[in-house]
């Protein structure tokens, strides 16, 4: 009996604000992106801060 193998590609999103990494259940093919970071709740998770300021979560991790 031959075993079948399936190769999957998993998208990992990274919050530019707090550095959190997560796997979303949304499909990128449908043009859907997460609305907020699940950790810090920022709706700007995909944009870096303009002034380079770190938030409280990043300071605690360092």
C-alpha atoms as a PDB file:
ATOM      1  CA  UNK A   1       0.000   0.000   0.000  1.00  0.00           C
ATOM      2  CA  UNK A   2       1.547   3.293  -1.107  1.00  0.00           C
ATOM      3  CA  UNK A   3       1.568   6.266   1.237  1.00  0.00           C
ATOM      4  CA  UNK A   4       0.438   9.574  -0.121  1.00  0.00           C
ATOM      5  CA  UNK A   5       2.158  12.798   0.845  1.00  0.00           C
ATOM      6  CA  UNK A   6       0.691  16.242   0.495  1.00  0.00           C
ATOM      7  CA  UNK A   7       2.766  19.393   0.556  1.00  0.00           C
ATOM      8  CA  UNK A   8       1.125  22.406   2.189  1.00  0.00           C
ATOM      9  CA  UNK A   9       2.184  26.009   2.327  1.00  0.00           C
ATOM     10  CA  UNK A  10       1.292  27.851   5.506  1.00  0.00           C
ATOM     11  CA  UNK A  11       1.287  31.626   5.663  1.00  0.00           C
ATOM     12  CA  UNK A  12       2.665  33.146   8.832  1.00  0.00           C
ATOM     13  CA  UNK A  13       1.786  36.757   9.580  1.00  0.00           C
ATOM     14  CA  UNK A  14       4.131  38.935  11.652  1.00  0.00           C
ATOM     15  CA  UNK A  15       2.961  42.022  13.522  1.00  0.00           C
ATOM     16  CA  UNK A  16       5.251  44.974  12.784  1.00  0.00           C
ATOM     17  CA  UNK A  17       4.215  46.545  16.103  1.00  0.00           C
ATOM     18  CA  UNK A  18       4.787  43.792  18.668  1.00  0.00           C
ATOM     19  CA  UNK A  19       6.617  41.102  16.667  1.00  0.00           C
ATOM     20  CA  UNK A  20       3.982  38.416  17.245  1.00  0.00           C
ATOM     21  CA  UNK A  21       3.814  35.622  14.653  1.00  0.00           C
ATOM     22  CA  UNK A  22       0.609  33.741  13.918  1.00  0.00           C
ATOM     23  CA  UNK A  23      -1.055  31.540  11.350  1.00  0.00           C
ATOM     24  CA  UNK A  24      -4.319  32.942  10.084  1.00  0.00           C
ATOM     25  CA  UNK A  25      -7.310  30.900   9.048  1.00  0.00           C
ATOM     26  CA  UNK A  26      -8.152  33.453   6.358  1.00  0.00           C
ATOM     27  CA  UNK A  27      -7.241  32.651   2.776  1.00  0.00           C
ATOM     28  CA  UNK A  28      -4.895  35.037   1.005  1.00  0.00           C
ATOM     29  CA  UNK A  29      -6.288  33.946  -2.381  1.00  0.00           C
ATOM     30  CA  UNK A  30      -9.563  35.593  -1.442  1.00  0.00           C
ATOM     31  CA  UNK A  31      -7.746  38.856  -0.737  1.00  0.00           C
ATOM     32  CA  UNK A  32      -8.430  38.692   2.983  1.00  0.00           C
ATOM     33  CA  UNK A  33      -5.881  39.902   5.501  1.00  0.00           C
ATOM     34  CA  UNK A  34      -6.278  39.825   9.264  1.00  0.00           C
ATOM     35  CA  UNK A  35      -7.870  43.022  10.584  1.00  0.00           C
ATOM     36  CA  UNK A  36      -5.941  43.091  13.869  1.00  0.00           C
ATOM     37  CA  UNK A  37      -2.972  41.481  15.564  1.00  0.00           C
ATOM     38  CA  UNK A  38      -4.305  38.800  17.930  1.00  0.00           C
ATOM     39  CA  UNK A  39      -1.717  39.730  20.579  1.00  0.00           C
ATOM     40  CA  UNK A  40      -1.614  43.540  20.764  1.00  0.00           C
ATOM     41  CA  UNK A  41      -4.875  44.221  18.917  1.00  0.00           C
ATOM     42  CA  UNK A  42      -3.359  46.817  16.604  1.00  0.00           C
ATOM     43  CA  UNK A  43      -5.214  47.378  13.329  1.00  0.00           C
ATOM     44  CA  UNK A  44      -1.869  48.593  11.911  1.00  0.00           C
ATOM     45  CA  UNK A  45      -0.109  45.252  12.438  1.00  0.00           C
ATOM     46  CA  UNK A  46       1.262  45.268   8.869  1.00  0.00           C
ATOM     47  CA  UNK A  47       2.843  48.757   9.076  1.00  0.00           C
ATOM     48  CA  UNK A  48       5.962  49.877  10.898  1.00  0.00           C
ATOM     49  CA  UNK A  49       5.757  52.826  13.244  1.00  0.00           C
ATOM     50  CA  UNK A  50       6.734  56.112  11.624  1.00  0.00           C
ATOM     51  CA  UNK A  51       8.702  57.437  14.601  1.00  0.00           C
ATOM     52  CA  UNK A  52      10.436  54.124  15.400  1.00  0.00           C
ATOM     53  CA  UNK A  53       8.978  53.988  18.912  1.00  0.00           C
ATOM     54  CA  UNK A  54       8.721  50.563  20.513  1.00  0.00           C
ATOM     55  CA  UNK A  55       5.586  49.607  22.363  1.00  0.00           C
ATOM     56  CA  UNK A  56       5.335  48.109  25.840  1.00  0.00           C
ATOM     57  CA  UNK A  57       5.262  44.504  24.618  1.00  0.00           C
ATOM     58  CA  UNK A  58       8.533  44.835  22.661  1.00  0.00           C
ATOM     59  CA  UNK A  59      10.269  46.518  25.614  1.00  0.00           C
ATOM     60  CA  UNK A  60       9.243  43.669  27.919  1.00  0.00           C
ATOM     61  CA  UNK A  61      10.586  41.048  25.486  1.00  0.00           C
ATOM     62  CA  UNK A  62      14.075  42.638  25.309  1.00  0.00           C
END
